[in-house]
Amino acid sequence: MRGVRRAGVLIAVLATLAAACSSGSSAPENGASTARVRIVNQNLLHGNACPAASNRCNLPDRVNLFFRQLYGQNHSCPELVAIEEANPQTVAELRKGAGACGYHVVYDDDPGQDREVVLTTELVLGSERRRLAGPLRTALWVRVATNAGPVDLVATHLASSSDDRPCDRATCPPPCKIAETLNACQGREAVAFLREKRGPHSIAVLAGDLNAHPNEPTIAAIRVAGLVDTHLAMHNTECAPKTGVNCTSGRIDDSLVDMTNAHSKQTERIDYVFLDPIPRCSLTRPTGLFAAAGGPADKRNDLVFPADHNAVIATIQCRTTAADLAASTPVHSSTTTTAATDKLAPATVAKVITAFRTLFEPNPDPDTQLAALENGAALRDSFIARKQQVGNLASRTSVRLDSLRQGATPNTIDVTFSILIDGNVVLDVLPGQAKLVGGRWLVSTKSYCQVATLGIDTIPKECAK
């Protein structure tokens, strides 16, 4: 809800670990071999809530510590690493250290501040990022070729308490259910995405910070779909909040207080690696928490943990035939979260920007703001109630339009926009639209509703249409 490597150290690590950074396999038997693939998942904490002077809670050294965990502690460069809360700054640090394991960094230059990225030692065959229900969350699918055959991995970070909300028909399409929450809907979408992309010979894995406890509807829906919680499948005990054993989240995420304290404890398990089972594959050790004790220690700083979350790992062992290996073929890569900016008339661009600023930026007169909103009159009561609810934040809010392009009709402009508080981005690269109504460009109802309904329990009926 979460020092750059020295050249000499990198060279030494590369020399000692070159053989360890590929999937392990045994000798062929009866035309088949047995191979394993390891998947680690880590919410790496973007650090946006940390003090500005802390450089995102010392992001460079935290990334460096995570890399030392990946190539140390007997883990020897897991083949696939799913990371949440990544952004351009995180990716820049990951690229600096990725050479120690020969990792490829799979990232599509999405400008979001809370995105998924995958590291892999294996050949990348394809990737795609897709938006999930609601304005903020995405899922990243990556296919790689391993000695165990192709692996299809979907990494995601589902809605937290800050942006979860009840579903409605406009926000939660099938396979979602209107009676559930956005978090559960996104979990169903992630499973559907994995099933859509999975190849006939592939090992299929869903990993991420799902922001849901094991007994909550999101996890129940994933299990009903047939996916296996690898942590429990290997007979690991459930999270014990009093002791922190087998828990993955709960440390402070806006300072280094807990990340520099070896005795700080987690209190919940919300990070998972799920396996979509196939007969030729089974789970083996290590599977469960990854580097749960933190470290290794570094005299240059006091870091114990690279993030507020603990990482988790699953090791999958498969009997693999020539046909399985031959299925590792390249596929098309794409993204559905970023949009090109078309050339629009400057006057049109100015009017769209004015509409968004009029609606979202401070103004003591709500009717002036609502005049820039499609169906503003019908939304007046809920608009005023929401404005009162957020209090003085309303006076500190601004909006930034990141891109504009012609919509599907001449009367629509598709935009991406971000909401800022005191000049700092809090909701980034949101999909939105302006509509030409009665000769005026207005912010679409959907664009407003997706922001105004985040983290609330009751959805205005005008937003649920």
Protein backbone atom coordinates (compact mmCIF):
# COMPACT_ATOMS: atom_id res chain seq x y z
CA MET A 1 0.00 0.00 0.00
CA ARG A 2 4.64 0.38 -0.61
CA GLY A 3 24.89 3.27 -3.43
CA VAL A 4 25.28 2.15 -6.81
CA ARG A 5 27.40 -1.03 -7.13
CA ARG A 6 31.16 -0.43 -7.21
CA ALA A 7 32.78 -1.59 -10.48
CA GLY A 8 35.22 -3.89 -8.71
CA VAL A 9 32.46 -5.62 -6.76
CA LEU A 10 30.39 -6.09 -9.90
CA ILE A 11 33.30 -7.69 -11.73
CA ALA A 12 33.96 -10.07 -8.84
CA VAL A 13 30.31 -11.06 -8.63
CA LEU A 14 30.10 -11.67 -12.36
CA ALA A 15 33.17 -13.88 -12.23
CA THR A 16 31.87 -16.04 -9.40
CA LEU A 17 28.21 -16.30 -10.43
CA ALA A 18 28.26 -16.64 -14.22
CA ALA A 19 27.24 -20.30 -14.05
CA ALA A 20 24.58 -19.71 -11.42
CA CYS A 21 22.39 -17.30 -13.40
CA SER A 22 20.59 -19.81 -15.62
CA SER A 23 17.82 -22.27 -14.82
CA GLY A 24 19.10 -25.50 -13.36
CA SER A 25 18.41 -28.83 -15.06
CA SER A 26 19.31 -32.51 -14.73
CA ALA A 27 20.51 -34.93 -17.37
CA PRO A 28 17.92 -36.10 -19.92
CA GLU A 29 16.02 -39.27 -19.14
CA ASN A 30 13.70 -41.00 -21.61
CA GLY A 31 13.63 -37.95 -23.83
CA ALA A 32 12.85 -35.54 -20.96
CA SER A 33 14.84 -33.53 -18.44
CA THR A 34 14.03 -32.10 -15.05
CA ALA A 35 14.60 -28.38 -14.62
CA ARG A 36 13.66 -25.74 -12.11
CA VAL A 37 12.77 -22.07 -12.27
CA ARG A 38 12.67 -19.68 -9.33
CA ILE A 39 10.36 -16.66 -9.09
CA VAL A 40 10.88 -13.90 -6.51
CA ASN A 41 8.36 -11.14 -5.84
CA GLN A 42 9.29 -7.90 -4.09
CA ASN A 43 7.37 -4.69 -3.51
CA LEU A 44 10.41 -2.41 -3.59
CA LEU A 45 8.75 0.78 -2.19
CA HIS A 46 8.81 3.78 -4.50
CA GLY A 47 9.43 6.08 -1.53
CA ASN A 48 7.15 8.89 -2.70
CA ALA A 49 5.93 9.46 0.88
CA CYS A 50 9.45 9.64 2.31
CA PRO A 51 11.04 13.01 3.20
CA ALA A 52 12.32 14.78 0.08
CA ALA A 53 15.86 14.99 1.46
CA SER A 54 15.98 11.19 1.93
CA ASN A 55 15.98 10.48 -1.83
CA ARG A 56 12.94 8.19 -1.61
CA CYS A 57 14.17 6.61 1.64
CA ASN A 58 17.63 6.02 0.19
CA LEU A 59 16.38 4.27 -2.94
CA PRO A 60 19.84 3.62 -4.49
CA ASP A 61 21.15 1.77 -1.43
CA ARG A 62 17.87 -0.12 -0.99
CA VAL A 63 18.04 -1.36 -4.59
CA ASN A 64 21.69 -2.27 -4.04
CA LEU A 65 20.76 -4.28 -0.93
CA PHE A 66 18.05 -6.14 -2.82
CA PHE A 67 20.53 -7.12 -5.54
CA ARG A 68 22.93 -8.43 -2.89
CA GLN A 69 20.09 -10.57 -1.56
CA LEU A 70 19.37 -11.91 -5.06
CA TYR A 71 22.92 -13.04 -5.78
CA GLY A 72 23.75 -13.96 -2.18
CA GLN A 73 22.24 -16.01 0.65
CA ASN A 74 22.40 -19.20 -1.47
CA HIS A 75 19.83 -17.83 -3.95
CA SER A 76 22.28 -17.25 -6.81
CA CYS A 77 20.24 -15.08 -9.13
CA PRO A 78 16.64 -16.36 -9.35
CA GLU A 79 15.52 -16.60 -12.96
CA LEU A 80 12.51 -14.26 -12.62
CA VAL A 81 12.03 -11.34 -10.26
CA ALA A 82 8.74 -9.42 -10.18
CA ILE A 83 8.94 -5.94 -8.65
CA GLU A 84 6.10 -3.60 -7.67
CA GLU A 85 6.11 0.14 -6.92
CA ALA A 86 8.64 0.71 -9.70
CA ASN A 87 8.95 3.94 -11.69
CA PRO A 88 11.58 5.56 -13.94
CA GLN A 89 13.82 6.36 -10.95
CA THR A 90 13.62 2.80 -9.62
CA VAL A 91 14.29 1.35 -13.06
CA ALA A 92 17.37 3.55 -13.47
CA GLU A 93 18.79 2.08 -10.25
CA LEU A 94 17.83 -1.47 -11.27
CA ARG A 95 19.66 -1.08 -14.56
CA LYS A 96 22.81 -0.01 -12.74
CA GLY A 97 22.94 -3.21 -10.71
CA ALA A 98 21.33 -5.73 -13.04
CA GLY A 99 24.63 -6.83 -14.59
CA ALA A 100 25.70 -8.70 -11.48
CA CYS A 101 23.26 -11.48 -12.40
CA GLY A 102 23.01 -10.73 -16.10
CA TYR A 103 19.42 -9.60 -15.60
CA HIS A 104 17.36 -8.16 -18.43
CA VAL A 105 15.10 -5.36 -17.16
CA VAL A 106 11.63 -5.74 -18.71
CA TYR A 107 10.01 -2.31 -18.59
CA ASP A 108 7.96 -0.39 -21.15
CA ASP A 109 8.87 3.18 -20.13
CA ASP A 110 5.46 3.67 -18.53
CA PRO A 111 5.77 6.98 -16.65
CA GLY A 112 3.66 5.85 -13.69
CA GLN A 113 5.04 6.05 -10.15
CA ASP A 114 3.67 2.65 -9.09
CA ARG A 115 4.30 0.15 -11.85
CA GLU A 116 5.53 -3.42 -12.23
CA VAL A 117 8.91 -4.33 -13.69
CA VAL A 118 10.43 -7.79 -14.19
CA LEU A 119 14.06 -8.85 -14.01
CA THR A 120 15.07 -12.08 -15.73
CA THR A 121 18.23 -13.98 -16.57
CA GLU A 122 16.37 -15.75 -19.37
CA LEU A 123 15.50 -14.90 -22.98
CA VAL A 124 12.50 -12.54 -23.09
CA LEU A 125 9.91 -13.71 -25.63
CA GLY A 126 7.26 -11.02 -25.16
CA SER A 127 5.60 -8.63 -22.75
CA GLU A 128 2.47 -6.51 -22.33
CA ARG A 129 1.22 -4.07 -19.74
CA ARG A 130 -2.51 -3.75 -19.24
CA ARG A 131 -4.66 -1.43 -17.15
CA LEU A 132 -6.86 -3.04 -14.52
CA ALA A 133 -10.23 -1.76 -13.31
CA GLY A 134 -10.03 1.70 -11.78
CA PRO A 135 -7.62 4.43 -12.81
CA LEU A 136 -4.41 3.46 -11.02
CA ARG A 137 -3.47 -0.20 -11.26
CA THR A 138 -1.80 -2.23 -14.00
CA ALA A 139 -0.53 -5.76 -14.61
CA LEU A 140 2.63 -6.69 -16.54
CA TRP A 141 2.80 -9.97 -18.44
CA VAL A 142 6.22 -11.33 -19.44
CA ARG A 143 7.04 -14.57 -21.25
CA VAL A 144 10.55 -16.00 -21.02
CA ALA A 145 12.31 -19.14 -22.27
CA THR A 146 13.81 -21.30 -19.52
CA ASN A 147 15.28 -24.79 -19.23
CA ALA A 148 11.89 -25.80 -17.82
CA GLY A 149 10.08 -24.48 -20.89
CA PRO A 150 8.33 -21.15 -21.40
CA VAL A 151 7.15 -19.24 -18.34
CA ASP A 152 4.25 -16.80 -18.48
CA LEU A 153 4.42 -14.43 -15.51
CA VAL A 154 1.87 -11.75 -14.62
CA ALA A 155 3.09 -9.28 -11.99
CA THR A 156 0.66 -6.84 -10.41
CA HIS A 157 -0.06 -4.53 -7.47
CA LEU A 158 -3.73 -4.39 -6.54
CA ALA A 159 -5.76 -1.60 -4.93
CA SER A 160 -4.94 -0.66 -1.35
CA SER A 161 -7.22 0.99 1.18
CA SER A 162 -6.38 4.37 -0.37
CA ASP A 163 -7.95 3.54 -3.74
CA ASP A 164 -10.16 0.50 -3.14
CA ARG A 165 -13.93 1.06 -3.44
CA PRO A 166 -17.14 -0.83 -4.22
CA CYS A 167 -17.58 -1.98 -7.80
CA ASP A 168 -20.14 -0.63 -10.25
CA ARG A 169 -21.00 -1.53 -13.82
CA ALA A 170 -19.01 1.34 -15.27
CA THR A 171 -15.79 0.47 -13.42
CA CYS A 172 -15.80 -3.31 -13.01
CA PRO A 173 -16.46 -5.18 -16.26
CA PRO A 174 -16.57 -9.00 -16.52
CA PRO A 175 -15.07 -11.18 -15.17
CA CYS A 176 -15.70 -8.91 -12.18
CA LYS A 177 -18.82 -9.03 -10.05
CA ILE A 178 -20.73 -5.88 -9.14
CA ALA A 179 -21.11 -7.01 -5.52
CA GLU A 180 -17.34 -7.04 -4.88
CA THR A 181 -14.61 -4.44 -4.43
CA LEU A 182 -12.15 -2.99 -6.91
CA ASN A 183 -9.36 -5.06 -5.31
CA ALA A 184 -11.22 -8.33 -5.92
CA CYS A 185 -12.14 -7.26 -9.44
CA GLN A 186 -8.50 -6.54 -10.24
CA GLY A 187 -7.52 -9.96 -8.91
CA ARG A 188 -10.00 -11.62 -11.28
CA GLU A 189 -8.70 -9.50 -14.17
CA ALA A 190 -5.10 -10.50 -13.41
CA VAL A 191 -6.04 -14.20 -13.50
CA ALA A 192 -7.94 -13.69 -16.77
CA PHE A 193 -4.94 -11.85 -18.22
CA LEU A 194 -2.64 -14.74 -17.28
CA ARG A 195 -5.01 -17.31 -18.76
CA GLU A 196 -5.35 -15.26 -21.96
CA LYS A 197 -1.58 -15.01 -22.43
CA ARG A 198 -0.60 -18.49 -21.27
CA GLY A 199 0.86 -20.74 -23.94
CA PRO A 200 -0.11 -24.44 -24.17
CA HIS A 201 3.28 -25.57 -22.83
CA SER A 202 3.84 -22.68 -20.42
CA ILE A 203 4.36 -22.55 -16.68
CA ALA A 204 1.92 -19.83 -15.58
CA VAL A 205 2.53 -17.67 -12.52
CA LEU A 206 0.71 -14.73 -10.92
CA ALA A 207 2.85 -12.73 -8.50
CA GLY A 208 2.50 -9.45 -6.67
CA ASP A 209 1.51 -7.31 -3.74
CA LEU A 210 -2.20 -8.11 -3.83
CA ASN A 211 -3.14 -6.01 -0.78
CA ALA A 212 -5.42 -8.79 0.43
CA HIS A 213 -5.13 -11.19 3.35
CA PRO A 214 -5.35 -14.95 2.69
CA ASN A 215 -8.95 -15.12 3.96
CA GLU A 216 -10.25 -12.18 1.91
CA PRO A 217 -12.43 -12.35 -1.23
CA THR A 218 -9.63 -11.46 -3.65
CA ILE A 219 -7.53 -14.45 -2.63
CA ALA A 220 -10.59 -16.70 -2.51
CA ALA A 221 -11.44 -15.74 -6.10
CA ILE A 222 -7.91 -16.54 -7.26
CA ARG A 223 -8.01 -19.92 -5.54
CA VAL A 224 -11.46 -20.74 -6.94
CA ALA A 225 -9.99 -20.04 -10.39
CA GLY A 226 -7.60 -22.92 -9.73
CA LEU A 227 -4.37 -21.12 -8.85
CA VAL A 228 -2.27 -22.41 -5.96
CA ASP A 229 -0.85 -20.27 -3.18
CA THR A 230 2.74 -21.57 -3.28
CA HIS A 231 3.48 -20.47 0.29
CA LEU A 232 0.78 -22.71 1.75
CA ALA A 233 1.25 -25.48 -0.82
CA MET A 234 4.75 -26.05 0.60
CA HIS A 235 3.27 -26.35 4.12
CA ASN A 236 4.66 -23.05 5.37
CA THR A 237 2.72 -21.73 8.34
CA GLU A 238 0.38 -18.77 7.96
CA CYS A 239 1.47 -15.28 9.00
CA ALA A 240 1.63 -14.83 12.78
CA PRO A 241 1.11 -11.09 13.41
CA LYS A 242 2.31 -11.22 17.02
CA THR A 243 5.72 -12.59 16.05
CA GLY A 244 5.95 -11.49 12.42
CA VAL A 245 6.79 -15.03 11.28
CA ASN A 246 5.81 -15.61 7.62
CA CYS A 247 4.32 -12.11 7.31
CA THR A 248 5.24 -9.86 4.39
CA SER A 249 3.95 -6.36 5.19
CA GLY A 250 3.46 -3.94 8.05
CA ARG A 251 6.68 -1.96 8.40
CA ILE A 252 6.63 1.85 8.20
CA ASP A 253 6.75 2.98 4.58
CA ASP A 254 7.44 6.72 4.85
CA SER A 255 10.79 6.68 6.66
CA LEU A 256 13.79 4.40 7.21
CA VAL A 257 12.93 3.75 10.86
CA ASP A 258 11.82 0.13 10.34
CA MET A 259 14.04 -0.59 7.35
CA THR A 260 17.11 0.05 9.50
CA ASN A 261 15.81 -1.95 12.46
CA ALA A 262 16.62 -5.66 12.44
CA HIS A 263 13.91 -6.25 15.06
CA SER A 264 11.06 -4.53 13.20
CA LYS A 265 8.23 -6.96 12.48
CA GLN A 266 5.70 -7.48 9.73
CA THR A 267 2.07 -8.05 10.66
CA GLU A 268 0.21 -9.37 7.59
CA ARG A 269 0.69 -11.54 4.51
CA ILE A 270 -0.41 -9.73 1.35
CA ASP A 271 2.41 -10.66 -1.08
CA TYR A 272 2.10 -13.86 -3.10
CA VAL A 273 3.35 -16.13 -5.83
CA PHE A 274 0.46 -18.15 -7.27
CA LEU A 275 1.02 -21.09 -9.63
CA ASP A 276 -1.50 -22.23 -12.22
CA PRO A 277 -0.73 -25.95 -11.83
CA ILE A 278 0.12 -28.34 -14.66
CA PRO A 279 0.86 -32.08 -14.28
CA ARG A 280 4.50 -31.89 -15.31
CA CYS A 281 5.46 -29.34 -12.62
CA SER A 282 5.63 -29.36 -8.83
CA LEU A 283 6.88 -27.06 -6.09
CA THR A 284 10.12 -27.54 -4.21
CA ARG A 285 12.30 -25.59 -1.78
CA PRO A 286 13.03 -22.73 -1.41
CA THR A 287 9.40 -21.56 -1.45
CA GLY A 288 8.03 -19.05 1.04
CA LEU A 289 9.60 -15.87 2.37
CA PHE A 290 12.76 -14.64 0.67
CA ALA A 291 15.61 -13.10 2.72
CA ALA A 292 13.18 -12.56 5.59
CA ALA A 293 15.96 -11.72 8.08
CA GLY A 294 17.20 -8.88 5.88
CA GLY A 295 20.82 -7.99 5.25
CA PRO A 296 23.55 -8.54 4.33
CA ALA A 297 24.91 -5.70 6.45
CA ASP A 298 26.68 -2.79 4.80
CA LYS A 299 28.99 -0.56 6.83
CA ARG A 300 28.15 2.43 4.61
CA ASN A 301 24.57 2.57 5.84
CA ASP A 302 22.30 1.06 8.43
CA LEU A 303 19.92 -0.68 6.02
CA VAL A 304 18.59 -4.07 7.08
CA PHE A 305 15.63 -4.39 4.70
CA PRO A 306 15.36 -3.08 1.12
CA ALA A 307 11.68 -2.14 1.50
CA ASP A 308 8.73 -2.10 3.86
CA HIS A 309 7.63 -5.45 2.36
CA ASN A 310 9.36 -8.82 2.58
CA ALA A 311 9.97 -10.62 -0.69
CA VAL A 312 8.56 -14.08 -1.39
CA ILE A 313 9.94 -16.88 -3.55
CA ALA A 314 8.58 -19.97 -5.30
CA THR A 315 10.72 -22.70 -6.83
CA ILE A 316 9.02 -24.76 -9.53
CA GLN A 317 10.46 -28.06 -10.77
CA CYS A 318 9.26 -29.44 -14.09
CA ARG A 319 9.75 -32.52 -16.25
CA THR A 320 10.50 -30.96 -19.61
CA THR A 321 10.41 -32.43 -23.10
CA ALA A 322 11.74 -31.20 -26.41
CA ALA A 323 8.22 -30.09 -27.30
CA ASP A 324 8.08 -27.95 -24.15
CA LEU A 325 11.35 -26.27 -25.03
CA ALA A 326 10.33 -25.79 -28.66
CA ALA A 327 7.28 -23.83 -27.47
CA SER A 328 9.57 -20.99 -26.38
CA THR A 329 8.90 -18.76 -29.38
CA PRO A 330 8.78 -14.95 -29.54
CA VAL A 331 5.40 -13.20 -29.28
CA HIS A 332 4.25 -9.63 -29.82
CA SER A 333 4.98 -7.10 -27.08
CA SER A 334 2.74 -4.14 -26.36
CA THR A 335 1.39 -1.78 -23.72
CA THR A 336 -2.10 -0.42 -23.18
CA THR A 337 -1.29 2.17 -20.53
CA THR A 338 0.57 4.87 -22.40
CA ALA A 339 -0.79 6.96 -25.23
CA ALA A 340 0.87 8.89 -28.00
CA THR A 341 0.09 12.60 -28.20
CA ASP A 342 -1.58 13.61 -31.45
CA LYS A 343 -1.24 17.03 -33.03
CA LEU A 344 -4.29 18.98 -31.95
CA ALA A 345 -5.22 22.57 -32.59
CA PRO A 346 -3.54 24.76 -29.93
CA ALA A 347 -6.87 26.43 -29.16
CA THR A 348 -8.47 23.03 -28.49
CA VAL A 349 -5.59 21.96 -26.25
CA ALA A 350 -5.91 25.19 -24.27
CA LYS A 351 -9.65 24.70 -23.77
CA VAL A 352 -9.23 21.11 -22.57
CA ILE A 353 -6.48 22.13 -20.13
CA THR A 354 -8.66 24.96 -18.85
CA ALA A 355 -11.57 22.58 -18.26
CA PHE A 356 -9.46 20.19 -16.18
CA ARG A 357 -7.90 23.02 -14.18
CA THR A 358 -11.27 24.65 -13.56
CA LEU A 359 -12.70 21.42 -12.16
CA PHE A 360 -9.79 20.07 -10.15
CA GLU A 361 -7.94 23.15 -8.90
CA PRO A 362 -8.93 25.30 -5.87
CA ASN A 363 -11.96 27.53 -6.15
CA PRO A 364 -14.32 28.61 -3.35
CA ASP A 365 -17.25 28.51 -5.80
CA PRO A 366 -18.23 24.87 -6.53
CA ASP A 367 -20.64 25.93 -9.28
CA THR A 368 -17.78 27.47 -11.25
CA GLN A 369 -15.90 24.19 -10.95
CA LEU A 370 -18.93 22.10 -11.88
CA ALA A 371 -19.50 24.20 -15.00
CA ALA A 372 -16.43 22.44 -16.44
CA LEU A 373 -17.83 18.95 -15.75
CA GLU A 374 -20.12 16.85 -17.92
CA ASN A 375 -23.32 16.28 -15.91
CA GLY A 376 -22.02 18.75 -13.33
CA ALA A 377 -25.48 19.70 -12.09
CA ALA A 378 -26.41 16.10 -11.35
CA LEU A 379 -23.12 15.60 -9.47
CA ARG A 380 -23.36 18.82 -7.45
CA ASP A 381 -24.35 17.33 -4.08
CA SER A 382 -21.74 14.56 -4.16
CA PHE A 383 -19.09 17.02 -5.42
CA ILE A 384 -19.66 19.37 -2.49
CA ALA A 385 -19.75 16.48 -0.01
CA ARG A 386 -16.45 15.10 -1.33
CA LYS A 387 -14.86 18.55 -1.24
CA GLN A 388 -15.84 18.92 2.41
CA GLN A 389 -14.56 15.44 3.16
CA VAL A 390 -11.03 16.09 1.84
CA GLY A 391 -10.88 19.38 3.73
CA ASN A 392 -7.86 21.59 3.19
CA LEU A 393 -6.41 19.17 0.65
CA ALA A 394 -8.82 20.72 -1.86
CA SER A 395 -6.96 24.03 -1.55
CA ARG A 396 -3.60 22.34 -2.16
CA THR A 397 -4.60 20.35 -5.25
CA SER A 398 -3.51 20.94 -8.83
CA VAL A 399 -3.80 18.98 -12.07
CA ARG A 400 -1.29 18.26 -14.82
CA LEU A 401 -2.20 17.04 -18.30
CA ASP A 402 0.43 14.58 -19.48
CA SER A 403 -0.86 13.86 -22.99
CA LEU A 404 -3.76 14.65 -25.29
CA ARG A 405 -4.89 12.89 -28.45
CA GLN A 406 -7.94 12.81 -30.66
CA GLY A 407 -10.62 10.49 -29.31
CA ALA A 408 -12.75 7.99 -31.18
CA THR A 409 -15.08 10.79 -32.32
CA PRO A 410 -14.48 14.45 -33.27
CA ASN A 411 -16.24 15.45 -30.05
CA THR A 412 -13.84 13.65 -27.69
CA ILE A 413 -10.21 14.18 -26.68
CA ASP A 414 -8.48 11.35 -24.84
CA VAL A 415 -6.06 12.55 -22.17
CA THR A 416 -3.76 11.27 -19.47
CA PHE A 417 -3.59 13.48 -16.41
CA SER A 418 -2.10 13.55 -12.93
CA ILE A 419 -3.35 14.97 -9.63
CA LEU A 420 -0.83 16.78 -7.43
CA ILE A 421 -0.87 17.92 -3.80
CA ASP A 422 1.50 20.78 -3.00
CA GLY A 423 3.14 20.17 -6.36
CA ASN A 424 3.82 16.47 -5.66
CA VAL A 425 2.15 13.78 -7.76
CA VAL A 426 -0.29 11.64 -5.78
CA LEU A 427 -2.34 10.12 -8.64
CA ASP A 428 -0.36 9.75 -11.82
CA VAL A 429 -1.01 9.19 -15.54
CA LEU A 430 -4.73 8.65 -15.13
CA PRO A 431 -6.75 7.86 -18.26
CA GLY A 432 -9.34 10.55 -18.94
CA GLN A 433 -11.39 12.29 -21.58
CA ALA A 434 -12.77 15.69 -22.51
CA LYS A 435 -16.08 15.97 -24.35
CA LEU A 436 -17.43 18.73 -26.57
CA VAL A 437 -20.89 19.53 -25.15
CA GLY A 438 -22.88 22.49 -26.43
CA GLY A 439 -19.80 23.98 -28.01
CA ARG A 440 -17.70 23.73 -24.80
CA TRP A 441 -14.99 21.26 -23.85
CA LEU A 442 -15.87 19.63 -20.53
CA VAL A 443 -14.21 17.02 -18.32
CA SER A 444 -16.06 13.74 -18.81
CA THR A 445 -18.10 12.32 -15.96
CA LYS A 446 -15.96 9.17 -15.92
CA SER A 447 -12.71 11.17 -15.62
CA TYR A 448 -14.02 12.96 -12.54
CA CYS A 449 -15.65 9.92 -10.96
CA GLN A 450 -12.58 7.73 -11.11
CA VAL A 451 -10.73 10.26 -8.95
CA ALA A 452 -13.59 11.32 -6.66
CA THR A 453 -14.61 7.75 -5.71
CA LEU A 454 -11.19 6.42 -4.69
CA GLY A 455 -11.18 5.06 -1.16
CA ILE A 456 -14.88 5.66 -0.42
CA ASP A 457 -17.63 3.21 0.56
CA THR A 458 -20.62 4.65 -1.31
CA ILE A 459 -20.54 5.49 -5.02
CA PRO A 460 -22.75 8.34 -6.30
CA LYS A 461 -25.35 6.92 -8.65
CA GLU A 462 -24.20 9.26 -11.44
CA CYS A 463 -20.74 7.66 -11.21
CA ALA A 464 -22.09 4.11 -11.35
CA LYS A 465 -23.78 4.43 -14.72
